[in-house]
Amino acid sequence: MRRSLAWMSLGQGSLFVLQFGVMVVVARLLTPYDMGVFAVAVAIVGLLSTIRSLGLQGYIVRAPDLAPPLVATVFTINAALAVLVALAIAGLAQLGGALLGDPSVQRLLLAMVVVPLLNIFEILPGAYIERRGDFRSVAFINVTRYGTANLAVLGFALAGHSYMSLAYGQIISAVVAMVLTNAIGWRHVSLRLGLDQWREVTRYGTQMLTISGVNLLANRVSEIVLGRVLGLEALGLYTRASGVTGMLWENLHVVLMRVLFVDFAEQRRQGRSLREPYLGIVGNLTAVLWPMLIGLAVVSGPAMTLLYGPNWTASALPLSILCVSMALWVPMAMTGEILVVCHETARQSRYELIRAPVGLLLFTAGCFVSIVAAAAARLLETVFTILLYRSHVERLTETRWADYVPILSRSGFLTGVAVLPAAMVMAAHGWAATTPIALVATAIGVGVLGWLVTLRALRHPLFDEGMRLLARFRPA
């Protein structure tokens, strides 16, 4: 597991640096309007893509036996859904432009028709690569795919293609992923069609569609509502803030959750309790992510101004609220994976049918006030979700609230030590976005040093993991 985490961390870490750098430059080249156009197009594509949220690649990964009829069934259903989505995107391109009164949305949607078609040929070899635990290849594909796409977006933006640069990046990403996945997993490439086991596959797919599809649907509808109520520029500002936290969460999920999901599934197959592994994960995640997220919430104004320029300063407060929301969710980060490995997807699907509409209603109400209120609605949704799932996570991991108190208290103390210097600097300057960057950077450095010292003083397990990792690089 450590080896898999190392490869995924190395790959996603380097990719994160590249993505972040490109995002900063592109944000200075594109306007909030350009980002709003792309956000609407992605929202519409996301709505249609909910019908492909059947988790078919995951089905192959977890299936005990991969008989040829089963593989053919998965490929056939995935291909049919991809063609259906592509046709729907083309058909709704006209509607998307008419709905928002902007032909730019139509043009961008038409360019993205090809993306689901390319994904048809990626599912089987990609699933086999992950099934055998070859995370080295997964990391290579991800870095090459998204690295090439990000550089392409930057090149097109510099060439003056505005919002279309982002669409071209999506297409290039799909092409590179298809080529690399088929090259590495060539032994498992198959175009065989069949529907022999369609009942079993669709039963599983329906459960996953309810779980992930409803969530995706609610998020995309939320973006469309915000764009419609507050305008494309406001949507661009909000998605810039949500994009920062989203990028952090996506990289965390790719690096950690996929590997831990495999480990948790193995623990359950062997009849072992998830208690100790889960408590350890909560302790390490909160020790790292709480200082990072709360720290970003504190310095969001200067950070957004420095990175993206004065045009994006209005995104700072929504970013702060979203960071707090994400920090609240960190102790529950493995909720979905735990429910899946414990075969409680039926319960999860029922709860998502409750959570998603509640979240959408809260967000819609916030949109009629401001983007700050919309971000605050996300915070309320997170609190509601925690209340919904907490008791079941404790039941499945054989934990109780008393187990978390010392863990979260220790992480809270670490967070206070790390964030206090920056908070003092920001407070002294009235929390202004124009707070001198040199002072902010110095305060962050002092906070990081204090965090490291406190981590060692508390004898935190994360410190031992860090020392173990460093020992690998020391000369014998």
Protein backbone atom coordinates (compact mmCIF):
# COMPACT_ATOMS: atom_id res chain seq x y z
CA MET A 1 0.00 0.00 0.00
CA ARG A 2 2.86 2.39 0.79
CA ARG A 3 4.37 1.69 -2.64
CA SER A 4 1.07 2.44 -4.36
CA LEU A 5 0.60 5.60 -2.33
CA ALA A 6 4.15 6.67 -3.18
CA TRP A 7 3.59 6.33 -6.92
CA MET A 8 0.23 8.07 -6.82
CA SER A 9 1.57 10.84 -4.58
CA LEU A 10 4.56 11.42 -6.84
CA GLY A 11 2.38 11.50 -9.93
CA GLN A 12 -0.40 13.67 -8.53
CA GLY A 13 2.04 15.94 -6.71
CA SER A 14 3.91 16.82 -9.88
CA LEU A 15 0.64 17.11 -11.77
CA PHE A 16 -0.80 19.39 -9.09
CA VAL A 17 2.14 21.77 -9.41
CA LEU A 18 1.69 21.87 -13.19
CA GLN A 19 -2.10 22.26 -12.98
CA PHE A 20 -1.85 25.01 -10.42
CA GLY A 21 0.76 26.91 -12.42
CA VAL A 22 -1.22 26.65 -15.64
CA MET A 23 -4.44 27.61 -13.84
CA VAL A 24 -2.80 30.78 -12.51
CA VAL A 25 -1.56 31.83 -15.95
CA VAL A 26 -4.79 30.92 -17.75
CA ALA A 27 -6.85 32.84 -15.17
CA ARG A 28 -4.87 35.94 -16.12
CA LEU A 29 -5.43 35.31 -19.82
CA LEU A 30 -9.16 34.50 -19.62
CA THR A 31 -11.93 36.63 -18.18
CA PRO A 32 -14.59 35.62 -15.65
CA TYR A 33 -16.98 35.56 -18.64
CA ASP A 34 -14.82 32.98 -20.44
CA MET A 35 -14.73 30.81 -17.31
CA GLY A 36 -18.51 31.20 -16.95
CA VAL A 37 -19.11 29.98 -20.51
CA PHE A 38 -16.94 26.94 -19.90
CA ALA A 39 -18.62 26.27 -16.54
CA VAL A 40 -22.07 26.26 -18.16
CA ALA A 41 -20.93 23.91 -20.92
CA VAL A 42 -19.34 21.55 -18.40
CA ALA A 43 -22.51 21.68 -16.31
CA ILE A 44 -24.65 20.68 -19.30
CA VAL A 45 -22.24 17.89 -20.29
CA GLY A 46 -22.16 16.78 -16.67
CA LEU A 47 -25.93 16.57 -16.57
CA LEU A 48 -25.93 14.28 -19.57
CA SER A 49 -22.99 12.29 -18.27
CA THR A 50 -24.95 11.27 -15.20
CA ILE A 51 -26.40 8.41 -17.25
CA ARG A 52 -22.83 7.12 -17.64
CA SER A 53 -22.17 7.25 -13.88
CA LEU A 54 -22.71 3.53 -13.54
CA GLY A 55 -19.29 2.77 -12.07
CA LEU A 56 -18.63 0.14 -14.73
CA GLN A 57 -14.87 0.43 -14.46
CA GLY A 58 -15.18 -0.07 -10.71
CA TYR A 59 -17.39 -3.07 -11.37
CA ILE A 60 -14.60 -4.73 -13.32
CA VAL A 61 -12.09 -3.86 -10.59
CA ARG A 62 -14.15 -5.50 -7.83
CA ALA A 63 -15.65 -8.43 -9.79
CA PRO A 64 -14.45 -11.83 -8.45
CA ASP A 65 -14.40 -13.41 -11.92
CA LEU A 66 -14.01 -11.74 -15.31
CA ALA A 67 -15.59 -14.16 -17.75
CA PRO A 68 -15.63 -13.01 -21.41
CA PRO A 69 -19.44 -12.61 -21.50
CA LEU A 70 -19.30 -10.27 -18.50
CA VAL A 71 -16.52 -8.16 -20.02
CA ALA A 72 -18.40 -7.94 -23.32
CA THR A 73 -21.55 -6.86 -21.51
CA VAL A 74 -19.74 -4.08 -19.68
CA PHE A 75 -18.10 -2.84 -22.88
CA THR A 76 -21.39 -2.90 -24.82
CA ILE A 77 -23.40 -1.03 -22.19
CA ASN A 78 -20.65 1.55 -21.76
CA ALA A 79 -20.37 2.10 -25.52
CA ALA A 80 -24.12 2.48 -25.95
CA LEU A 81 -24.32 5.03 -23.17
CA ALA A 82 -21.35 6.97 -24.57
CA VAL A 83 -22.98 7.24 -28.01
CA LEU A 84 -26.23 8.32 -26.39
CA VAL A 85 -24.46 11.03 -24.41
CA ALA A 86 -22.62 12.30 -27.49
CA LEU A 87 -25.86 12.59 -29.44
CA ALA A 88 -27.55 14.34 -26.54
CA ILE A 89 -24.70 16.86 -26.24
CA ALA A 90 -25.00 17.67 -29.93
CA GLY A 91 -28.77 18.00 -29.64
CA LEU A 92 -28.65 20.18 -26.54
CA ALA A 93 -25.94 22.48 -27.84
CA GLN A 94 -28.62 24.58 -29.50
CA LEU A 95 -30.75 24.56 -26.35
CA GLY A 96 -27.80 25.54 -24.16
CA GLY A 97 -27.12 28.60 -26.31
CA ALA A 98 -30.79 29.57 -26.38
CA LEU A 99 -31.30 29.06 -22.64
CA LEU A 100 -28.58 31.53 -21.71
CA GLY A 101 -28.88 33.72 -24.78
CA ASP A 102 -25.24 33.19 -25.70
CA PRO A 103 -23.98 31.35 -28.83
CA SER A 104 -20.60 30.76 -27.17
CA VAL A 105 -22.08 27.91 -25.11
CA GLN A 106 -23.34 26.21 -28.28
CA ARG A 107 -19.96 26.40 -29.97
CA LEU A 108 -18.14 24.96 -26.96
CA LEU A 109 -20.64 22.13 -26.52
CA LEU A 110 -20.35 21.02 -30.13
CA ALA A 111 -16.58 20.73 -29.73
CA MET A 112 -16.99 18.47 -26.70
CA VAL A 113 -19.19 15.89 -28.47
CA VAL A 114 -16.14 13.78 -29.25
CA VAL A 115 -15.05 13.31 -25.60
CA PRO A 116 -17.53 10.55 -24.55
CA LEU A 117 -16.88 8.70 -27.84
CA LEU A 118 -13.17 8.50 -27.10
CA ASN A 119 -13.89 7.16 -23.61
CA ILE A 120 -15.50 4.05 -25.13
CA PHE A 121 -12.10 2.53 -25.86
CA GLU A 122 -10.55 3.38 -22.49
CA ILE A 123 -12.74 1.52 -20.02
CA LEU A 124 -11.55 -2.11 -20.38
CA PRO A 125 -7.76 -1.68 -20.43
CA GLY A 126 -8.01 1.05 -17.77
CA ALA A 127 -10.03 -1.17 -15.46
CA TYR A 128 -7.62 -4.09 -15.82
CA ILE A 129 -4.63 -1.86 -15.05
CA GLU A 130 -6.22 -0.71 -11.82
CA ARG A 131 -7.54 -4.16 -10.95
CA ARG A 132 -4.04 -5.60 -10.86
CA GLY A 133 -2.87 -2.73 -8.64
CA ASP A 134 -0.52 -1.23 -11.22
CA PHE A 135 -0.66 2.27 -9.77
CA ARG A 136 2.67 3.10 -11.32
CA SER A 137 1.03 2.93 -14.75
CA VAL A 138 -2.05 4.75 -13.44
CA ALA A 139 0.18 7.58 -12.20
CA PHE A 140 2.03 7.73 -15.52
CA ILE A 141 -1.19 7.90 -17.52
CA ASN A 142 -2.65 10.61 -15.28
CA VAL A 143 0.45 12.79 -15.34
CA THR A 144 0.86 12.48 -19.10
CA ARG A 145 -2.83 12.93 -19.80
CA TYR A 146 -3.51 15.97 -17.68
CA GLY A 147 -0.05 17.43 -18.10
CA THR A 148 -0.42 17.44 -21.89
CA ALA A 149 -3.95 18.79 -21.63
CA ASN A 150 -2.94 21.63 -19.32
CA LEU A 151 -0.05 22.67 -21.52
CA ALA A 152 -2.38 22.57 -24.51
CA VAL A 153 -4.90 24.81 -22.73
CA LEU A 154 -2.11 27.26 -21.96
CA GLY A 155 -0.92 27.23 -25.57
CA PHE A 156 -4.40 27.79 -27.00
CA ALA A 157 -5.10 30.55 -24.47
CA LEU A 158 -1.88 32.32 -25.40
CA ALA A 159 -2.90 31.99 -29.05
CA GLY A 160 -6.13 33.85 -28.30
CA HIS A 161 -8.71 31.03 -28.39
CA SER A 162 -10.33 32.30 -25.12
CA TYR A 163 -12.93 29.87 -23.68
CA MET A 164 -12.40 27.35 -26.49
CA SER A 165 -8.92 26.69 -25.08
CA LEU A 166 -10.55 24.80 -22.22
CA ALA A 167 -12.63 22.67 -24.58
CA TYR A 168 -9.58 21.79 -26.67
CA GLY A 169 -7.82 20.73 -23.47
CA GLN A 170 -10.68 18.34 -22.65
CA ILE A 171 -10.45 16.74 -26.09
CA ILE A 172 -6.67 16.35 -25.94
CA SER A 173 -6.96 14.84 -22.46
CA ALA A 174 -9.40 12.19 -23.75
CA VAL A 175 -7.19 11.37 -26.77
CA VAL A 176 -4.01 10.96 -24.71
CA ALA A 177 -5.80 8.83 -22.11
CA MET A 178 -7.23 6.53 -24.77
CA VAL A 179 -3.88 6.05 -26.51
CA LEU A 180 -1.83 5.44 -23.35
CA THR A 181 -4.39 3.18 -21.68
CA ASN A 182 -4.64 0.99 -24.76
CA ALA A 183 -0.86 0.92 -25.21
CA ILE A 184 -0.18 -0.16 -21.61
CA GLY A 185 -3.16 -2.48 -21.26
CA TRP A 186 -3.09 -3.82 -24.82
CA ARG A 187 -3.60 -7.40 -23.67
CA HIS A 188 -7.02 -6.48 -22.39
CA VAL A 189 -8.26 -4.43 -25.35
CA SER A 190 -11.50 -5.94 -26.61
CA LEU A 191 -14.26 -4.71 -28.90
CA ARG A 192 -16.46 -7.75 -28.36
CA LEU A 193 -20.15 -6.95 -27.99
CA GLY A 194 -22.68 -8.84 -25.91
CA LEU A 195 -25.48 -8.51 -23.38
CA ASP A 196 -25.48 -11.95 -21.76
CA GLN A 197 -25.17 -10.58 -18.22
CA TRP A 198 -26.98 -7.30 -18.63
CA ARG A 199 -29.23 -7.82 -15.59
CA GLU A 200 -26.34 -8.17 -13.15
CA VAL A 201 -24.42 -5.26 -14.63
CA THR A 202 -27.40 -2.92 -14.81
CA ARG A 203 -28.42 -3.75 -11.22
CA TYR A 204 -25.02 -2.68 -9.97
CA GLY A 205 -24.98 0.29 -12.34
CA THR A 206 -28.35 1.52 -11.13
CA GLN A 207 -27.12 1.63 -7.55
CA MET A 208 -23.99 3.54 -8.53
CA LEU A 209 -26.01 5.88 -10.73
CA THR A 210 -28.18 6.77 -7.78
CA ILE A 211 -25.16 7.36 -5.55
CA SER A 212 -22.84 9.29 -7.86
CA GLY A 213 -25.26 10.40 -10.54
CA VAL A 214 -27.63 12.21 -8.21
CA ASN A 215 -24.71 14.04 -6.63
CA LEU A 216 -23.30 15.03 -10.01
CA LEU A 217 -26.73 16.04 -11.25
CA ALA A 218 -27.31 18.30 -8.25
CA ASN A 219 -23.90 19.96 -8.67
CA ARG A 220 -24.41 20.64 -12.36
CA VAL A 221 -27.92 21.98 -11.89
CA SER A 222 -26.55 24.24 -9.14
CA GLU A 223 -24.03 25.75 -11.56
CA ILE A 224 -26.69 26.31 -14.19
CA VAL A 225 -28.96 27.96 -11.61
CA LEU A 226 -26.17 30.25 -10.43
CA GLY A 227 -25.33 31.25 -14.01
CA ARG A 228 -28.97 31.91 -14.76
CA VAL A 229 -29.73 33.89 -11.57
CA LEU A 230 -26.50 35.83 -11.01
CA GLY A 231 -25.01 35.78 -14.53
CA LEU A 232 -22.05 34.14 -16.23
CA GLU A 233 -19.49 36.45 -14.62
CA ALA A 234 -20.71 35.53 -11.14
CA LEU A 235 -20.60 31.87 -12.12
CA GLY A 236 -17.03 32.32 -13.31
CA LEU A 237 -16.07 33.89 -9.98
CA TYR A 238 -17.74 31.13 -7.96
CA THR A 239 -16.26 28.30 -10.03
CA ARG A 240 -12.81 29.84 -9.60
CA ALA A 241 -13.24 29.55 -5.83
CA SER A 242 -14.81 26.09 -5.95
CA GLY A 243 -12.18 25.02 -8.47
CA VAL A 244 -9.39 25.59 -5.94
CA THR A 245 -10.98 23.39 -3.27
CA GLY A 246 -12.14 20.96 -5.94
CA MET A 247 -8.59 20.55 -7.22
CA LEU A 248 -7.34 19.84 -3.71
CA TRP A 249 -10.08 17.27 -3.13
CA GLU A 250 -9.64 15.64 -6.54
CA ASN A 251 -5.91 15.17 -6.03
CA LEU A 252 -6.53 13.80 -2.54
CA HIS A 253 -9.10 11.37 -3.88
CA VAL A 254 -6.88 10.16 -6.72
CA VAL A 255 -3.84 9.70 -4.49
CA LEU A 256 -5.37 8.37 -1.30
CA MET A 257 -8.93 7.14 -1.69
CA ARG A 258 -8.36 4.79 -4.62
CA VAL A 259 -5.50 3.04 -2.85
CA LEU A 260 -7.25 2.93 0.52
CA PHE A 261 -10.41 1.61 -1.10
CA VAL A 262 -8.47 -1.43 -2.32
CA ASP A 263 -6.95 -1.89 1.15
CA PHE A 264 -10.30 -1.52 2.96
CA ALA A 265 -11.90 -4.03 0.61
CA GLU A 266 -9.14 -6.53 1.39
CA GLN A 267 -9.57 -5.94 5.13
CA ARG A 268 -13.27 -6.73 4.85
CA ARG A 269 -12.68 -9.85 2.75
CA GLN A 270 -10.40 -11.14 5.51
CA GLY A 271 -12.98 -10.35 8.20
CA ARG A 272 -10.89 -7.67 9.89
CA SER A 273 -12.24 -4.59 11.65
CA LEU A 274 -11.85 -1.19 9.99
CA ARG A 275 -11.57 0.53 13.35
CA GLU A 276 -7.82 1.07 13.67
CA PRO A 277 -7.11 1.80 9.98
CA TYR A 278 -9.96 4.30 9.86
CA LEU A 279 -9.01 6.14 13.04
CA GLY A 280 -5.45 6.35 11.77
CA ILE A 281 -6.61 7.83 8.48
CA VAL A 282 -8.80 10.41 10.25
CA GLY A 283 -5.87 11.46 12.45
CA ASN A 284 -3.43 11.86 9.59
CA LEU A 285 -5.87 13.55 7.22
CA THR A 286 -7.02 16.15 9.73
CA ALA A 287 -3.45 16.83 10.86
CA VAL A 288 -2.48 17.73 7.30
CA LEU A 289 -5.62 19.09 5.68
CA TRP A 290 -7.09 21.15 8.50
CA PRO A 291 -4.07 23.50 8.71
CA MET A 292 -3.93 23.70 4.92
CA LEU A 293 -7.63 24.45 4.43
CA ILE A 294 -8.12 26.80 7.38
CA GLY A 295 -4.87 28.54 6.48
CA LEU A 296 -6.08 29.06 2.92
CA ALA A 297 -9.38 30.39 4.27
CA VAL A 298 -7.47 32.95 6.35
CA VAL A 299 -5.25 34.24 3.50
CA SER A 300 -7.73 33.78 0.64
CA GLY A 301 -7.77 37.49 -0.23
CA PRO A 302 -4.03 37.99 -0.79
CA ALA A 303 -3.77 34.49 -2.30
CA MET A 304 -6.43 35.10 -4.97
CA THR A 305 -5.06 38.56 -5.76
CA LEU A 306 -1.50 37.29 -6.09
CA LEU A 307 -2.32 34.21 -8.11
CA TYR A 308 -5.13 35.36 -10.37
CA GLY A 309 -5.04 39.13 -10.28
CA PRO A 310 -7.48 41.81 -9.06
CA ASN A 311 -10.26 40.59 -11.37
CA TRP A 312 -10.72 37.57 -9.09
CA THR A 313 -10.65 39.21 -5.66
CA ALA A 314 -14.42 38.72 -5.31
CA SER A 315 -13.76 34.96 -5.21
CA ALA A 316 -11.83 35.24 -1.94
CA LEU A 317 -14.71 35.14 0.56
CA PRO A 318 -16.54 32.26 -1.20
CA LEU A 319 -13.21 30.40 -1.22
CA SER A 320 -12.83 30.90 2.54
CA ILE A 321 -16.30 29.51 3.20
CA LEU A 322 -15.74 26.53 0.90
CA CYS A 323 -12.43 25.77 2.63
CA VAL A 324 -14.18 25.67 6.01
CA SER A 325 -16.86 23.41 4.51
CA MET A 326 -14.25 21.03 3.15
CA ALA A 327 -12.39 21.02 6.48
CA LEU A 328 -15.56 19.93 8.25
CA TRP A 329 -15.92 17.02 5.84
CA VAL A 330 -12.31 15.78 6.12
CA PRO A 331 -13.00 13.43 9.10
CA MET A 332 -15.78 11.87 7.00
CA ALA A 333 -13.69 11.65 3.83
CA MET A 334 -13.86 7.87 3.52
CA THR A 335 -17.64 7.66 3.98
CA GLY A 336 -18.45 6.58 0.43
CA GLU A 337 -15.68 3.99 0.28
CA ILE A 338 -16.69 2.49 3.64
CA LEU A 339 -20.31 2.10 2.60
CA VAL A 340 -19.30 0.43 -0.66
CA VAL A 341 -16.89 -2.10 0.85
CA CYS A 342 -19.43 -2.88 3.58
CA HIS A 343 -22.12 -3.55 0.94
CA GLU A 344 -24.36 -0.71 2.11
CA THR A 345 -24.78 1.00 -1.26
CA ALA A 346 -28.56 0.61 -1.00
CA ARG A 347 -28.57 2.75 2.15
CA GLN A 348 -26.18 5.23 0.56
CA SER A 349 -28.39 5.59 -2.51
CA ARG A 350 -31.42 6.33 -0.30
CA TYR A 351 -29.51 8.93 1.67
CA GLU A 352 -28.17 10.60 -1.46
CA LEU A 353 -31.74 10.97 -2.69
CA ILE A 354 -32.33 12.99 0.48
CA ARG A 355 -29.06 14.91 0.63
CA ALA A 356 -28.87 16.06 -2.98
CA PRO A 357 -32.29 17.79 -3.14
CA VAL A 358 -31.71 19.44 0.23
CA GLY A 359 -28.33 20.72 -0.94
CA LEU A 360 -29.78 21.97 -4.22
CA LEU A 361 -32.58 23.84 -2.45
CA LEU A 362 -30.12 25.48 -0.06
CA PHE A 363 -27.80 26.47 -2.90
CA THR A 364 -30.63 27.83 -5.05
CA ALA A 365 -31.82 29.97 -2.15
CA GLY A 366 -28.29 31.29 -1.72
CA CYS A 367 -28.04 32.16 -5.43
CA PHE A 368 -30.90 34.62 -5.04
CA VAL A 369 -28.74 36.53 -2.54
CA SER A 370 -25.10 36.41 -3.72
CA ILE A 371 -22.22 34.05 -4.50
CA VAL A 372 -21.16 34.38 -0.85
CA ALA A 373 -24.58 33.12 0.25
CA ALA A 374 -24.31 30.30 -2.29
CA ALA A 375 -20.99 29.24 -0.74
CA ALA A 376 -22.55 29.44 2.74
CA ALA A 377 -25.29 27.09 1.49
CA ARG A 378 -22.59 24.53 0.68
CA LEU A 379 -21.39 24.80 4.26
CA LEU A 380 -24.89 24.10 5.56
CA GLU A 381 -25.16 21.15 3.18
CA THR A 382 -21.94 19.69 4.58
CA VAL A 383 -23.27 19.92 8.14
CA PHE A 384 -26.49 18.21 7.07
CA THR A 385 -24.56 15.42 5.31
CA ILE A 386 -22.38 14.78 8.37
CA LEU A 387 -25.47 14.43 10.55
CA LEU A 388 -26.97 12.07 7.98
CA TYR A 389 -24.03 9.68 7.73
CA ARG A 390 -22.06 9.92 10.97
CA SER A 391 -23.85 7.22 12.97
CA HIS A 392 -23.52 4.70 10.14
CA VAL A 393 -19.82 5.36 9.64
CA GLU A 394 -19.29 4.81 13.35
CA ARG A 395 -21.30 1.58 13.20
CA LEU A 396 -19.41 0.16 10.23
CA THR A 397 -15.98 1.11 11.57
CA GLU A 398 -16.82 0.00 15.12
CA THR A 399 -16.02 3.44 16.48
CA ARG A 400 -17.85 5.98 18.62
CA TRP A 401 -17.66 9.71 19.12
CA ALA A 402 -15.36 9.36 22.14
CA ASP A 403 -12.72 7.79 19.87
CA TYR A 404 -12.56 10.91 17.73
CA VAL A 405 -12.36 13.51 20.49
CA PRO A 406 -8.60 13.12 21.26
CA ILE A 407 -7.79 12.76 17.55
CA LEU A 408 -9.67 15.88 16.48
CA SER A 409 -8.48 17.85 19.52
CA ARG A 410 -4.87 17.11 18.60
CA SER A 411 -5.47 18.10 14.97
CA GLY A 412 -7.29 21.23 16.10
CA PHE A 413 -4.30 22.24 18.22
CA LEU A 414 -1.95 21.65 15.27
CA THR A 415 -4.21 23.78 13.10
CA GLY A 416 -4.22 26.63 15.60
CA VAL A 417 -0.42 26.63 15.81
CA ALA A 418 -0.08 26.59 12.02
CA VAL A 419 -2.69 29.25 11.26
CA LEU A 420 -2.27 31.72 14.13
CA PRO A 421 0.67 33.73 12.65
CA ALA A 422 -1.15 34.31 9.35
CA ALA A 423 -4.39 35.16 11.15
CA MET A 424 -2.58 37.78 13.26
CA VAL A 425 -1.07 39.40 10.15
CA MET A 426 -4.41 39.44 8.32
CA ALA A 427 -6.25 40.83 11.36
CA ALA A 428 -3.67 43.60 11.73
CA HIS A 429 -4.38 44.66 8.13
CA GLY A 430 -8.17 44.46 8.38
CA TRP A 431 -8.31 41.14 6.46
CA ALA A 432 -7.63 43.10 3.28
CA ALA A 433 -6.77 41.40 -0.01
CA THR A 434 -3.97 43.95 -0.34
CA THR A 435 -2.14 42.71 2.76
CA PRO A 436 1.60 42.70 1.86
CA ILE A 437 2.51 39.34 0.37
CA ALA A 438 5.91 39.33 2.07
CA LEU A 439 4.27 39.50 5.50
CA VAL A 440 1.76 36.82 4.58
CA ALA A 441 4.49 34.51 3.26
CA THR A 442 6.59 35.04 6.39
CA ALA A 443 3.62 34.25 8.62
CA ILE A 444 2.89 31.09 6.64
CA GLY A 445 6.51 30.00 7.00
CA VAL A 446 6.42 30.55 10.76
CA GLY A 447 3.16 28.60 10.93
CA VAL A 448 4.60 25.65 9.00
CA LEU A 449 7.65 25.58 11.27
CA GLY A 450 5.42 25.67 14.34
CA TRP A 451 3.31 22.85 12.88
CA LEU A 452 6.38 20.65 12.36
CA VAL A 453 7.68 21.29 15.88
CA THR A 454 4.26 20.60 17.40
CA LEU A 455 3.86 17.46 15.30
CA ARG A 456 7.06 16.08 16.78
CA ALA A 457 6.25 17.24 20.30
CA LEU A 458 2.89 15.46 20.16
CA ARG A 459 4.56 12.31 18.81
CA HIS A 460 1.96 12.26 16.08
CA PRO A 461 1.86 9.10 13.90
CA LEU A 462 2.22 11.35 10.86
CA PHE A 463 5.67 12.38 12.08
CA ASP A 464 6.73 8.73 12.28
CA GLU A 465 5.47 8.15 8.73
CA GLY A 466 7.51 11.13 7.55
CA MET A 467 10.64 9.87 9.25
CA ARG A 468 10.11 6.42 7.75
CA LEU A 469 9.84 7.97 4.31
CA LEU A 470 12.97 10.11 4.77
CA ALA A 471 14.91 7.05 5.94
CA ARG A 472 14.46 5.52 2.50
CA PHE A 473 16.47 8.35 0.96
CA ARG A 474 19.29 8.38 3.46
CA PRO A 475 22.56 6.78 2.35
CA ALA A 476 23.31 3.44 4.01
